Protein backbone atom coordinates (compact mmCIF):
# COMPACT_ATOMS: atom_id res chain seq x y z
CA UNK A 1 0.00 0.00 0.00
CA UNK A 2 2.87 2.39 0.76
CA UNK A 3 4.08 1.88 -2.77
CA UNK A 4 0.74 2.98 -4.25
CA UNK A 5 0.50 6.33 -2.41
CA UNK A 6 3.27 8.10 -4.33
CA UNK A 7 1.77 6.87 -7.59
CA UNK A 8 -1.60 8.49 -6.75
CA UNK A 9 0.14 11.74 -5.79
CA UNK A 10 2.03 11.80 -9.07
CA UNK A 11 -1.21 11.23 -10.96
CA UNK A 12 -2.96 14.14 -9.23
CA UNK A 13 0.03 16.37 -9.89
CA UNK A 14 0.00 15.39 -13.53
CA UNK A 15 -3.72 16.12 -13.67
CA UNK A 16 -3.15 19.60 -12.31
CA UNK A 17 -0.35 20.21 -14.84
CA UNK A 18 -2.54 18.93 -17.64
CA UNK A 19 -5.38 21.25 -16.60
CA UNK A 20 -3.03 24.21 -16.55
CA UNK A 21 -1.67 23.23 -19.94
CA UNK A 22 -5.19 22.87 -21.31
CA UNK A 23 -6.11 26.32 -20.11
CA UNK A 24 -2.98 27.79 -21.69
CA UNK A 25 -4.01 26.57 -25.15
CA UNK A 26 -7.71 27.16 -24.65
CA UNK A 27 -8.93 23.56 -24.43
CA UNK A 28 -12.41 23.59 -22.90
CA UNK A 29 -12.31 27.40 -22.48
CA UNK A 30 -14.36 29.38 -25.00
CA UNK A 31 -12.62 32.27 -26.73
CA UNK A 32 -9.13 31.55 -25.34
CA UNK A 33 -6.14 30.36 -27.29
CA UNK A 34 -7.93 29.94 -30.65
CA UNK A 35 -4.89 31.14 -32.60
CA UNK A 36 -2.88 28.21 -31.19
CA UNK A 37 -5.25 25.76 -32.82
CA UNK A 38 -5.21 26.19 -36.64
CA UNK A 39 -8.18 23.91 -37.25
CA UNK A 40 -10.46 26.02 -35.08
CA UNK A 41 -9.49 29.14 -37.00
CA UNK A 42 -9.43 27.66 -40.50
CA UNK A 43 -13.01 26.41 -40.55
CA UNK A 44 -14.71 29.75 -39.75
CA UNK A 45 -12.40 31.62 -42.13
CA UNK A 46 -13.22 29.20 -44.93
CA UNK A 47 -16.93 29.64 -44.29
CA UNK A 48 -16.67 33.43 -44.26
CA UNK A 49 -14.56 33.46 -47.40
CA UNK A 50 -17.08 31.22 -49.14
CA UNK A 51 -19.89 33.66 -48.37
CA UNK A 52 -17.85 36.76 -49.22
CA UNK A 53 -16.58 35.45 -52.56
CA UNK A 54 -20.01 35.65 -54.19
CA UNK A 55 -19.85 37.08 -57.73
CA UNK A 56 -22.22 39.86 -58.83
CA UNK A 57 -25.44 39.10 -60.70
CA UNK A 58 -24.88 37.86 -64.26
CA UNK A 59 -21.11 37.78 -63.82
CA UNK A 60 -19.07 36.26 -66.63
CA UNK A 61 -15.67 36.49 -68.26
CA UNK A 62 -15.83 38.16 -71.68
CA UNK A 63 -12.17 37.83 -72.63
CA UNK A 64 -8.76 37.86 -70.98
CA UNK A 65 -8.86 40.78 -68.57
CA UNK A 66 -12.47 41.74 -69.43
CA UNK A 67 -15.48 40.83 -67.28
CA UNK A 68 -19.20 41.69 -67.23
CA UNK A 69 -21.89 41.69 -64.56
CA UNK A 70 -24.86 43.40 -63.01
CA UNK A 71 -24.40 46.04 -60.32
CA UNK A 72 -22.05 44.72 -57.59
CA UNK A 73 -22.83 45.36 -53.93
CA UNK A 74 -20.87 44.98 -50.69
CA UNK A 75 -21.40 41.21 -50.67
CA UNK A 76 -19.41 41.02 -53.92
CA UNK A 77 -16.42 43.16 -52.91
CA UNK A 78 -14.19 40.25 -51.84
CA UNK A 79 -14.89 38.55 -55.16
CA UNK A 80 -14.03 41.70 -57.10
CA UNK A 81 -10.73 41.92 -55.23
CA UNK A 82 -9.85 38.44 -56.49
CA UNK A 83 -10.04 39.78 -60.07
CA UNK A 84 -7.28 42.35 -59.42
CA UNK A 85 -9.34 44.97 -61.24
CA UNK A 86 -7.73 48.16 -62.49
CA UNK A 87 -10.95 49.75 -63.64
CA UNK A 88 -14.73 49.56 -63.85
CA UNK A 89 -16.83 50.71 -66.80
CA UNK A 90 -20.20 51.80 -65.41
CA UNK A 91 -22.94 52.26 -68.00
CA UNK A 92 -25.68 54.01 -65.99
CA UNK A 93 -26.25 57.79 -65.63
CA UNK A 94 -26.99 57.63 -61.89
CA UNK A 95 -24.21 58.58 -59.44
CA UNK A 96 -22.12 55.68 -58.21
CA UNK A 97 -23.17 54.66 -54.67
CA UNK A 98 -20.94 56.04 -51.93
CA UNK A 99 -20.11 52.58 -50.56
CA UNK A 100 -19.00 51.35 -53.99
CA UNK A 101 -17.03 54.51 -54.68
CA UNK A 102 -15.20 54.12 -51.38
CA UNK A 103 -14.36 50.52 -52.22
CA UNK A 104 -12.86 51.61 -55.55
CA UNK A 105 -10.87 54.38 -53.91
CA UNK A 106 -9.47 52.11 -51.22
CA UNK A 107 -8.36 49.56 -53.79
CA UNK A 108 -7.11 51.99 -56.45
CA UNK A 109 -9.71 50.92 -59.02
CA UNK A 110 -10.56 53.63 -61.53
CA UNK A 111 -14.20 54.32 -62.39
CA UNK A 112 -15.14 55.18 -65.99
CA UNK A 113 -18.78 56.21 -66.22
CA UNK A 114 -20.72 56.28 -69.48
CA UNK A 115 -24.28 57.29 -68.70
CA UNK A 116 -26.58 55.41 -71.03
CA UNK A 117 -30.27 55.82 -70.24
CA UNK A 118 -32.15 52.58 -69.74
CA UNK A 119 -35.24 51.84 -71.81
CA UNK A 120 -38.35 52.98 -69.99
CA UNK A 121 -40.65 50.80 -72.07
CA UNK A 122 -39.63 47.55 -70.41
CA UNK A 123 -41.00 45.66 -73.40
CA UNK A 124 -39.73 42.25 -74.34
CA UNK A 125 -38.65 41.43 -77.89
CA UNK A 126 -41.96 39.74 -78.75
CA UNK A 127 -43.97 42.65 -77.32
CA UNK A 128 -41.85 45.10 -79.29
CA UNK A 129 -42.49 43.27 -82.53
CA UNK A 130 -46.25 43.20 -81.89
CA UNK A 131 -46.47 46.89 -81.03
CA UNK A 132 -44.01 48.07 -83.72
CA UNK A 133 -42.08 50.03 -81.15
CA UNK A 134 -39.92 52.71 -82.83
CA UNK A 135 -36.16 52.38 -82.68
CA UNK A 136 -34.93 53.41 -79.24
CA UNK A 137 -31.96 55.77 -79.33
CA UNK A 138 -28.74 54.19 -78.10
CA UNK A 139 -25.78 56.62 -78.10
CA UNK A 140 -23.34 55.01 -80.54
CA UNK A 141 -20.57 57.47 -79.77
CA UNK A 142 -20.85 56.67 -76.05
CA UNK A 143 -20.55 52.98 -76.86
CA UNK A 144 -17.43 53.72 -78.90
CA UNK A 145 -15.84 55.68 -76.06
CA UNK A 146 -16.62 52.87 -73.62
CA UNK A 147 -15.02 50.32 -75.96
CA UNK A 148 -11.87 52.44 -76.20
CA UNK A 149 -11.52 52.27 -72.42
CA UNK A 150 -12.32 48.55 -72.28
CA UNK A 151 -9.80 47.60 -74.97
CA UNK A 152 -6.98 49.68 -73.53
CA UNK A 153 -4.76 47.13 -71.78
CA UNK A 154 -3.74 49.82 -69.28
CA UNK A 155 -7.29 49.64 -67.91
CA UNK A 156 -7.42 45.85 -67.66
CA UNK A 157 -8.54 43.82 -65.85
CA UNK A 158 -11.80 45.72 -66.30
CA UNK A 159 -15.39 45.01 -65.23
CA UNK A 160 -18.28 46.26 -67.39
CA UNK A 161 -21.60 46.63 -65.62
CA UNK A 162 -24.96 48.37 -65.65
CA UNK A 163 -27.83 47.52 -63.30
CA UNK A 164 -28.75 43.98 -64.26
CA UNK A 165 -25.95 43.15 -66.70
CA UNK A 166 -28.43 42.51 -69.49
CA UNK A 167 -29.22 45.35 -71.90
CA UNK A 168 -26.63 48.14 -71.73
CA UNK A 169 -23.87 45.70 -70.83
CA UNK A 170 -25.18 43.32 -73.48
CA UNK A 171 -25.01 46.01 -76.17
CA UNK A 172 -21.46 46.99 -75.27
CA UNK A 173 -20.29 43.37 -75.22
CA UNK A 174 -22.16 42.68 -78.47
CA UNK A 175 -20.34 45.56 -80.17
CA UNK A 176 -17.07 44.25 -78.76
CA UNK A 177 -17.86 40.87 -80.33
CA UNK A 178 -18.30 42.55 -83.70
CA UNK A 179 -14.83 44.01 -83.25
CA UNK A 180 -13.66 40.46 -82.60
CA UNK A 181 -15.38 39.46 -85.87
CA UNK A 182 -17.96 37.18 -84.32
CA UNK A 183 -20.80 36.23 -86.65
CA UNK A 184 -24.07 38.01 -85.85
CA UNK A 185 -25.89 34.85 -84.78
CA UNK A 186 -23.23 34.19 -82.12
CA UNK A 187 -23.42 37.81 -80.94
CA UNK A 188 -27.18 37.45 -80.52
CA UNK A 189 -26.87 34.06 -78.81
CA UNK A 190 -24.62 35.58 -76.15
CA UNK A 191 -26.93 38.58 -75.71
CA UNK A 192 -29.97 36.30 -75.34
CA UNK A 193 -28.16 34.12 -72.81
CA UNK A 194 -28.06 37.04 -70.38
CA UNK A 195 -31.21 38.93 -71.40
CA UNK A 196 -33.40 35.82 -71.76
CA UNK A 197 -37.10 36.79 -71.65
CA UNK A 198 -36.13 40.46 -71.30
CA UNK A 199 -34.40 40.55 -74.69
CA UNK A 200 -35.13 43.66 -76.77
CA UNK A 201 -35.22 43.88 -80.53
CA UNK A 202 -33.89 47.45 -80.30
CA UNK A 203 -30.70 46.18 -78.65
CA UNK A 204 -30.23 43.55 -81.31
CA UNK A 205 -30.88 45.99 -84.11
CA UNK A 206 -28.33 48.39 -82.63
CA UNK A 207 -25.68 45.65 -82.49
CA UNK A 208 -26.51 44.61 -86.05
CA UNK A 209 -26.09 48.15 -87.40
CA UNK A 210 -23.08 49.09 -85.28
CA UNK A 211 -20.13 50.01 -87.50
CA UNK A 212 -17.02 48.55 -85.85
CA UNK A 213 -14.62 49.45 -88.65
CA UNK A 214 -13.31 52.65 -87.05
CA UNK A 215 -12.28 50.73 -83.92
CA UNK A 216 -10.66 47.72 -85.54
CA UNK A 217 -7.19 49.08 -84.86
CA UNK A 218 -7.85 48.70 -81.12
CA UNK A 219 -7.99 44.92 -81.45
CA UNK A 220 -4.89 44.61 -83.62
CA UNK A 221 -2.70 43.75 -80.64
CA UNK A 222 -5.34 41.90 -78.61
C-alpha atoms as a PDB file:
ATOM      1  CA  UNK A   1       0.000   0.000   0.000  1.00  0.00           C
ATOM      2  CA  UNK A   2       2.867   2.387   0.759  1.00  0.00           C
ATOM      3  CA  UNK A   3       4.081   1.885  -2.772  1.00  0.00           C
ATOM      4  CA  UNK A   4       0.744   2.982  -4.253  1.00  0.00           C
ATOM      5  CA  UNK A   5       0.502   6.329  -2.407  1.00  0.00           C
ATOM      6  CA  UNK A   6       3.271   8.099  -4.333  1.00  0.00           C
ATOM      7  CA  UNK A   7       1.774   6.868  -7.587  1.00  0.00           C
ATOM      8  CA  UNK A   8      -1.597   8.486  -6.747  1.00  0.00           C
ATOM      9  CA  UNK A   9       0.144  11.743  -5.787  1.00  0.00           C
ATOM     10  CA  UNK A  10       2.027  11.800  -9.070  1.00  0.00           C
ATOM     11  CA  UNK A  11      -1.209  11.234 -10.964  1.00  0.00           C
ATOM     12  CA  UNK A  12      -2.962  14.136  -9.231  1.00  0.00           C
ATOM     13  CA  UNK A  13       0.030  16.368  -9.888  1.00  0.00           C
ATOM     14  CA  UNK A  14      -0.002  15.389 -13.532  1.00  0.00           C
ATOM     15  CA  UNK A  15      -3.717  16.118 -13.675  1.00  0.00           C
ATOM     16  CA  UNK A  16      -3.146  19.601 -12.314  1.00  0.00           C
ATOM     17  CA  UNK A  17      -0.354  20.206 -14.835  1.00  0.00           C
ATOM     18  CA  UNK A  18      -2.538  18.935 -17.638  1.00  0.00           C
ATOM     19  CA  UNK A  19      -5.384  21.246 -16.595  1.00  0.00           C
ATOM     20  CA  UNK A  20      -3.032  24.210 -16.549  1.00  0.00           C
ATOM     21  CA  UNK A  21      -1.669  23.227 -19.943  1.00  0.00           C
ATOM     22  CA  UNK A  22      -5.190  22.873 -21.311  1.00  0.00           C
ATOM     23  CA  UNK A  23      -6.106  26.323 -20.107  1.00  0.00           C
ATOM     24  CA  UNK A  24      -2.982  27.787 -21.689  1.00  0.00           C
ATOM     25  CA  UNK A  25      -4.014  26.570 -25.154  1.00  0.00           C
ATOM     26  CA  UNK A  26      -7.713  27.158 -24.647  1.00  0.00           C
ATOM     27  CA  UNK A  27      -8.929  23.555 -24.431  1.00  0.00           C
ATOM     28  CA  UNK A  28     -12.410  23.593 -22.896  1.00  0.00           C
ATOM     29  CA  UNK A  29     -12.307  27.402 -22.475  1.00  0.00           C
ATOM     30  CA  UNK A  30     -14.357  29.384 -25.001  1.00  0.00           C
ATOM     31  CA  UNK A  31     -12.620  32.274 -26.729  1.00  0.00           C
ATOM     32  CA  UNK A  32      -9.131  31.552 -25.338  1.00  0.00           C
ATOM     33  CA  UNK A  33      -6.144  30.356 -27.295  1.00  0.00           C
ATOM     34  CA  UNK A  34      -7.930  29.941 -30.646  1.00  0.00           C
ATOM     35  CA  UNK A  35      -4.890  31.144 -32.596  1.00  0.00           C
ATOM     36  CA  UNK A  36      -2.877  28.205 -31.189  1.00  0.00           C
ATOM     37  CA  UNK A  37      -5.249  25.764 -32.821  1.00  0.00           C
ATOM     38  CA  UNK A  38      -5.206  26.187 -36.639  1.00  0.00           C
ATOM     39  CA  UNK A  39      -8.177  23.914 -37.245  1.00  0.00           C
ATOM     40  CA  UNK A  40     -10.463  26.018 -35.083  1.00  0.00           C
ATOM     41  CA  UNK A  41      -9.486  29.142 -37.002  1.00  0.00           C
ATOM     42  CA  UNK A  42      -9.427  27.662 -40.500  1.00  0.00           C
ATOM     43  CA  UNK A  43     -13.011  26.414 -40.551  1.00  0.00           C
ATOM     44  CA  UNK A  44     -14.710  29.751 -39.748  1.00  0.00           C
ATOM     45  CA  UNK A  45     -12.401  31.615 -42.130  1.00  0.00           C
ATOM     46  CA  UNK A  46     -13.218  29.204 -44.933  1.00  0.00           C
ATOM     47  CA  UNK A  47     -16.930  29.642 -44.291  1.00  0.00           C
ATOM     48  CA  UNK A  48     -16.673  33.425 -44.256  1.00  0.00           C
ATOM     49  CA  UNK A  49     -14.555  33.458 -47.400  1.00  0.00           C
ATOM     50  CA  UNK A  50     -17.084  31.222 -49.144  1.00  0.00           C
ATOM     51  CA  UNK A  51     -19.889  33.663 -48.371  1.00  0.00           C
ATOM     52  CA  UNK A  52     -17.849  36.761 -49.216  1.00  0.00           C
ATOM     53  CA  UNK A  53     -16.577  35.448 -52.560  1.00  0.00           C
ATOM     54  CA  UNK A  54     -20.011  35.650 -54.192  1.00  0.00           C
ATOM     55  CA  UNK A  55     -19.854  37.078 -57.728  1.00  0.00           C
ATOM     56  CA  UNK A  56     -22.220  39.859 -58.828  1.00  0.00           C
ATOM     57  CA  UNK A  57     -25.435  39.098 -60.696  1.00  0.00           C
ATOM     58  CA  UNK A  58     -24.880  37.861 -64.257  1.00  0.00           C
ATOM     59  CA  UNK A  59     -21.110  37.778 -63.823  1.00  0.00           C
ATOM     60  CA  UNK A  60     -19.069  36.263 -66.634  1.00  0.00           C
ATOM     61  CA  UNK A  61     -15.675  36.494 -68.258  1.00  0.00           C
ATOM     62  CA  UNK A  62     -15.829  38.161 -71.679  1.00  0.00           C
ATOM     63  CA  UNK A  63     -12.174  37.827 -72.625  1.00  0.00           C
ATOM     64  CA  UNK A  64      -8.764  37.856 -70.976  1.00  0.00           C
ATOM     65  CA  UNK A  65      -8.859  40.780 -68.565  1.00  0.00           C
ATOM     66  CA  UNK A  66     -12.469  41.741 -69.429  1.00  0.00           C
ATOM     67  CA  UNK A  67     -15.483  40.831 -67.279  1.00  0.00           C
ATOM     68  CA  UNK A  68     -19.204  41.689 -67.229  1.00  0.00           C
ATOM     69  CA  UNK A  69     -21.894  41.688 -64.564  1.00  0.00           C
ATOM     70  CA  UNK A  70     -24.861  43.403 -63.005  1.00  0.00           C
ATOM     71  CA  UNK A  71     -24.397  46.037 -60.320  1.00  0.00           C
ATOM     72  CA  UNK A  72     -22.052  44.723 -57.594  1.00  0.00           C
ATOM     73  CA  UNK A  73     -22.828  45.361 -53.934  1.00  0.00           C
ATOM     74  CA  UNK A  74     -20.871  44.985 -50.693  1.00  0.00           C
ATOM     75  CA  UNK A  75     -21.397  41.212 -50.675  1.00  0.00           C
ATOM     76  CA  UNK A  76     -19.405  41.018 -53.922  1.00  0.00           C
ATOM     77  CA  UNK A  77     -16.422  43.156 -52.914  1.00  0.00           C
ATOM     78  CA  UNK A  78     -14.195  40.249 -51.842  1.00  0.00           C
ATOM     79  CA  UNK A  79     -14.887  38.547 -55.155  1.00  0.00           C
ATOM     80  CA  UNK A  80     -14.025  41.698 -57.096  1.00  0.00           C
ATOM     81  CA  UNK A  81     -10.729  41.917 -55.232  1.00  0.00           C
ATOM     82  CA  UNK A  82      -9.845  38.443 -56.490  1.00  0.00           C
ATOM     83  CA  UNK A  83     -10.043  39.775 -60.069  1.00  0.00           C
ATOM     84  CA  UNK A  84      -7.281  42.353 -59.420  1.00  0.00           C
ATOM     85  CA  UNK A  85      -9.337  44.968 -61.243  1.00  0.00           C
ATOM     86  CA  UNK A  86      -7.726  48.155 -62.492  1.00  0.00           C
ATOM     87  CA  UNK A  87     -10.950  49.753 -63.642  1.00  0.00           C
ATOM     88  CA  UNK A  88     -14.731  49.555 -63.851  1.00  0.00           C
ATOM     89  CA  UNK A  89     -16.827  50.714 -66.798  1.00  0.00           C
ATOM     90  CA  UNK A  90     -20.195  51.802 -65.406  1.00  0.00           C
ATOM     91  CA  UNK A  91     -22.940  52.258 -68.000  1.00  0.00           C
ATOM     92  CA  UNK A  92     -25.679  54.007 -65.987  1.00  0.00           C
ATOM     93  CA  UNK A  93     -26.247  57.791 -65.628  1.00  0.00           C
ATOM     94  CA  UNK A  94     -26.994  57.627 -61.887  1.00  0.00           C
ATOM     95  CA  UNK A  95     -24.213  58.578 -59.437  1.00  0.00           C
ATOM     96  CA  UNK A  96     -22.118  55.677 -58.209  1.00  0.00           C
ATOM     97  CA  UNK A  97     -23.169  54.656 -54.675  1.00  0.00           C
ATOM     98  CA  UNK A  98     -20.935  56.035 -51.927  1.00  0.00           C
ATOM     99  CA  UNK A  99     -20.107  52.577 -50.556  1.00  0.00           C
ATOM    100  CA  UNK A 100     -19.000  51.348 -53.990  1.00  0.00           C
ATOM    101  CA  UNK A 101     -17.032  54.507 -54.685  1.00  0.00           C
ATOM    102  CA  UNK A 102     -15.198  54.124 -51.379  1.00  0.00           C
ATOM    103  CA  UNK A 103     -14.357  50.515 -52.220  1.00  0.00           C
ATOM    104  CA  UNK A 104     -12.863  51.608 -55.546  1.00  0.00           C
ATOM    105  CA  UNK A 105     -10.867  54.384 -53.914  1.00  0.00           C
ATOM    106  CA  UNK A 106      -9.473  52.110 -51.215  1.00  0.00           C
ATOM    107  CA  UNK A 107      -8.358  49.557 -53.793  1.00  0.00           C
ATOM    108  CA  UNK A 108      -7.115  51.990 -56.453  1.00  0.00           C
ATOM    109  CA  UNK A 109      -9.711  50.920 -59.016  1.00  0.00           C
ATOM    110  CA  UNK A 110     -10.556  53.632 -61.527  1.00  0.00           C
ATOM    111  CA  UNK A 111     -14.196  54.324 -62.386  1.00  0.00           C
ATOM    112  CA  UNK A 112     -15.137  55.180 -65.991  1.00  0.00           C
ATOM    113  CA  UNK A 113     -18.777  56.207 -66.218  1.00  0.00           C
ATOM    114  CA  UNK A 114     -20.722  56.281 -69.482  1.00  0.00           C
ATOM    115  CA  UNK A 115     -24.278  57.286 -68.698  1.00  0.00           C
ATOM    116  CA  UNK A 116     -26.579  55.406 -71.031  1.00  0.00           C
ATOM    117  CA  UNK A 117     -30.266  55.821 -70.240  1.00  0.00           C
ATOM    118  CA  UNK A 118     -32.151  52.578 -69.744  1.00  0.00           C
ATOM    119  CA  UNK A 119     -35.242  51.840 -71.806  1.00  0.00           C
ATOM    120  CA  UNK A 120     -38.351  52.977 -69.993  1.00  0.00           C
ATOM    121  CA  UNK A 121     -40.646  50.801 -72.071  1.00  0.00           C
ATOM    122  CA  UNK A 122     -39.630  47.552 -70.410  1.00  0.00           C
ATOM    123  CA  UNK A 123     -40.996  45.661 -73.395  1.00  0.00           C
ATOM    124  CA  UNK A 124     -39.732  42.250 -74.340  1.00  0.00           C
ATOM    125  CA  UNK A 125     -38.648  41.430 -77.889  1.00  0.00           C
ATOM    126  CA  UNK A 126     -41.956  39.735 -78.749  1.00  0.00           C
ATOM    127  CA  UNK A 127     -43.970  42.650 -77.322  1.00  0.00           C
ATOM    128  CA  UNK A 128     -41.851  45.100 -79.292  1.00  0.00           C
ATOM    129  CA  UNK A 129     -42.495  43.275 -82.534  1.00  0.00           C
ATOM    130  CA  UNK A 130     -46.245  43.196 -81.888  1.00  0.00           C
ATOM    131  CA  UNK A 131     -46.470  46.893 -81.034  1.00  0.00           C
ATOM    132  CA  UNK A 132     -44.014  48.066 -83.724  1.00  0.00           C
ATOM    133  CA  UNK A 133     -42.076  50.033 -81.145  1.00  0.00           C
ATOM    134  CA  UNK A 134     -39.917  52.712 -82.829  1.00  0.00           C
ATOM    135  CA  UNK A 135     -36.164  52.382 -82.677  1.00  0.00           C
ATOM    136  CA  UNK A 136     -34.926  53.414 -79.242  1.00  0.00           C
ATOM    137  CA  UNK A 137     -31.957  55.768 -79.331  1.00  0.00           C
ATOM    138  CA  UNK A 138     -28.736  54.190 -78.101  1.00  0.00           C
ATOM    139  CA  UNK A 139     -25.783  56.621 -78.105  1.00  0.00           C
ATOM    140  CA  UNK A 140     -23.344  55.012 -80.535  1.00  0.00           C
ATOM    141  CA  UNK A 141     -20.574  57.474 -79.773  1.00  0.00           C
ATOM    142  CA  UNK A 142     -20.853  56.671 -76.055  1.00  0.00           C
ATOM    143  CA  UNK A 143     -20.553  52.975 -76.858  1.00  0.00           C
ATOM    144  CA  UNK A 144     -17.433  53.723 -78.896  1.00  0.00           C
ATOM    145  CA  UNK A 145     -15.839  55.675 -76.064  1.00  0.00           C
ATOM    146  CA  UNK A 146     -16.622  52.869 -73.619  1.00  0.00           C
ATOM    147  CA  UNK A 147     -15.025  50.323 -75.960  1.00  0.00           C
ATOM    148  CA  UNK A 148     -11.866  52.436 -76.201  1.00  0.00           C
ATOM    149  CA  UNK A 149     -11.518  52.265 -72.423  1.00  0.00           C
ATOM    150  CA  UNK A 150     -12.316  48.552 -72.278  1.00  0.00           C
ATOM    151  CA  UNK A 151      -9.798  47.604 -74.966  1.00  0.00           C
ATOM    152  CA  UNK A 152      -6.979  49.683 -73.531  1.00  0.00           C
ATOM    153  CA  UNK A 153      -4.755  47.133 -71.782  1.00  0.00           C
ATOM    154  CA  UNK A 154      -3.741  49.821 -69.279  1.00  0.00           C
ATOM    155  CA  UNK A 155      -7.292  49.638 -67.905  1.00  0.00           C
ATOM    156  CA  UNK A 156      -7.416  45.855 -67.656  1.00  0.00           C
ATOM    157  CA  UNK A 157      -8.543  43.817 -65.847  1.00  0.00           C
ATOM    158  CA  UNK A 158     -11.801  45.721 -66.296  1.00  0.00           C
ATOM    159  CA  UNK A 159     -15.391  45.007 -65.233  1.00  0.00           C
ATOM    160  CA  UNK A 160     -18.280  46.256 -67.394  1.00  0.00           C
ATOM    161  CA  UNK A 161     -21.599  46.628 -65.622  1.00  0.00           C
ATOM    162  CA  UNK A 162     -24.961  48.366 -65.648  1.00  0.00           C
ATOM    163  CA  UNK A 163     -27.833  47.520 -63.298  1.00  0.00           C
ATOM    164  CA  UNK A 164     -28.748  43.976 -64.261  1.00  0.00           C
ATOM    165  CA  UNK A 165     -25.950  43.151 -66.695  1.00  0.00           C
ATOM    166  CA  UNK A 166     -28.429  42.509 -69.490  1.00  0.00           C
ATOM    167  CA  UNK A 167     -29.222  45.349 -71.897  1.00  0.00           C
ATOM    168  CA  UNK A 168     -26.627  48.137 -71.733  1.00  0.00           C
ATOM    169  CA  UNK A 169     -23.867  45.701 -70.833  1.00  0.00           C
ATOM    170  CA  UNK A 170     -25.181  43.317 -73.480  1.00  0.00           C
ATOM    171  CA  UNK A 171     -25.007  46.008 -76.171  1.00  0.00           C
ATOM    172  CA  UNK A 172     -21.457  46.988 -75.270  1.00  0.00           C
ATOM    173  CA  UNK A 173     -20.295  43.374 -75.225  1.00  0.00           C
ATOM    174  CA  UNK A 174     -22.157  42.679 -78.468  1.00  0.00           C
ATOM    175  CA  UNK A 175     -20.339  45.560 -80.171  1.00  0.00           C
ATOM    176  CA  UNK A 176     -17.073  44.247 -78.759  1.00  0.00           C
ATOM    177  CA  UNK A 177     -17.857  40.868 -80.333  1.00  0.00           C
ATOM    178  CA  UNK A 178     -18.299  42.553 -83.700  1.00  0.00           C
ATOM    179  CA  UNK A 179     -14.825  44.010 -83.255  1.00  0.00           C
ATOM    180  CA  UNK A 180     -13.659  40.465 -82.599  1.00  0.00           C
ATOM    181  CA  UNK A 181     -15.379  39.460 -85.866  1.00  0.00           C
ATOM    182  CA  UNK A 182     -17.964  37.182 -84.318  1.00  0.00           C
ATOM    183  CA  UNK A 183     -20.801  36.228 -86.648  1.00  0.00           C
ATOM    184  CA  UNK A 184     -24.070  38.015 -85.849  1.00  0.00           C
ATOM    185  CA  UNK A 185     -25.890  34.849 -84.782  1.00  0.00           C
ATOM    186  CA  UNK A 186     -23.228  34.189 -82.117  1.00  0.00           C
ATOM    187  CA  UNK A 187     -23.421  37.810 -80.942  1.00  0.00           C
ATOM    188  CA  UNK A 188     -27.180  37.446 -80.524  1.00  0.00           C
ATOM    189  CA  UNK A 189     -26.868  34.062 -78.809  1.00  0.00           C
ATOM    190  CA  UNK A 190     -24.619  35.583 -76.147  1.00  0.00           C
ATOM    191  CA  UNK A 191     -26.925  38.576 -75.710  1.00  0.00           C
ATOM    192  CA  UNK A 192     -29.971  36.302 -75.335  1.00  0.00           C
ATOM    193  CA  UNK A 193     -28.161  34.117 -72.810  1.00  0.00           C
ATOM    194  CA  UNK A 194     -28.064  37.039 -70.380  1.00  0.00           C
ATOM    195  CA  UNK A 195     -31.208  38.934 -71.402  1.00  0.00           C
ATOM    196  CA  UNK A 196     -33.404  35.825 -71.760  1.00  0.00           C
ATOM    197  CA  UNK A 197     -37.104  36.789 -71.648  1.00  0.00           C
ATOM    198  CA  UNK A 198     -36.128  40.462 -71.301  1.00  0.00           C
ATOM    199  CA  UNK A 199     -34.403  40.553 -74.691  1.00  0.00           C
ATOM    200  CA  UNK A 200     -35.130  43.656 -76.768  1.00  0.00           C
ATOM    201  CA  UNK A 201     -35.219  43.883 -80.526  1.00  0.00           C
ATOM    202  CA  UNK A 202     -33.888  47.452 -80.296  1.00  0.00           C
ATOM    203  CA  UNK A 203     -30.699  46.184 -78.647  1.00  0.00           C
ATOM    204  CA  UNK A 204     -30.231  43.548 -81.315  1.00  0.00           C
ATOM    205  CA  UNK A 205     -30.882  45.993 -84.108  1.00  0.00           C
ATOM    206  CA  UNK A 206     -28.333  48.388 -82.632  1.00  0.00           C
ATOM    207  CA  UNK A 207     -25.684  45.653 -82.493  1.00  0.00           C
ATOM    208  CA  UNK A 208     -26.510  44.608 -86.049  1.00  0.00           C
ATOM    209  CA  UNK A 209     -26.092  48.151 -87.399  1.00  0.00           C
ATOM    210  CA  UNK A 210     -23.081  49.093 -85.279  1.00  0.00           C
ATOM    211  CA  UNK A 211     -20.131  50.007 -87.498  1.00  0.00           C
ATOM    212  CA  UNK A 212     -17.024  48.555 -85.850  1.00  0.00           C
ATOM    213  CA  UNK A 213     -14.621  49.450 -88.654  1.00  0.00           C
ATOM    214  CA  UNK A 214     -13.305  52.650 -87.047  1.00  0.00           C
ATOM    215  CA  UNK A 215     -12.282  50.726 -83.920  1.00  0.00           C
ATOM    216  CA  UNK A 216     -10.661  47.718 -85.543  1.00  0.00           C
ATOM    217  CA  UNK A 217      -7.191  49.085 -84.861  1.00  0.00           C
ATOM    218  CA  UNK A 218      -7.854  48.699 -81.117  1.00  0.00           C
ATOM    219  CA  UNK A 219      -7.989  44.925 -81.450  1.00  0.00           C
ATOM    220  CA  UNK A 220      -4.894  44.611 -83.619  1.00  0.00           C
ATOM    221  CA  UNK A 221      -2.701  43.754 -80.640  1.00  0.00           C
ATOM    222  CA  UNK A 222      -5.343  41.903 -78.613  1.00  0.00           C
END
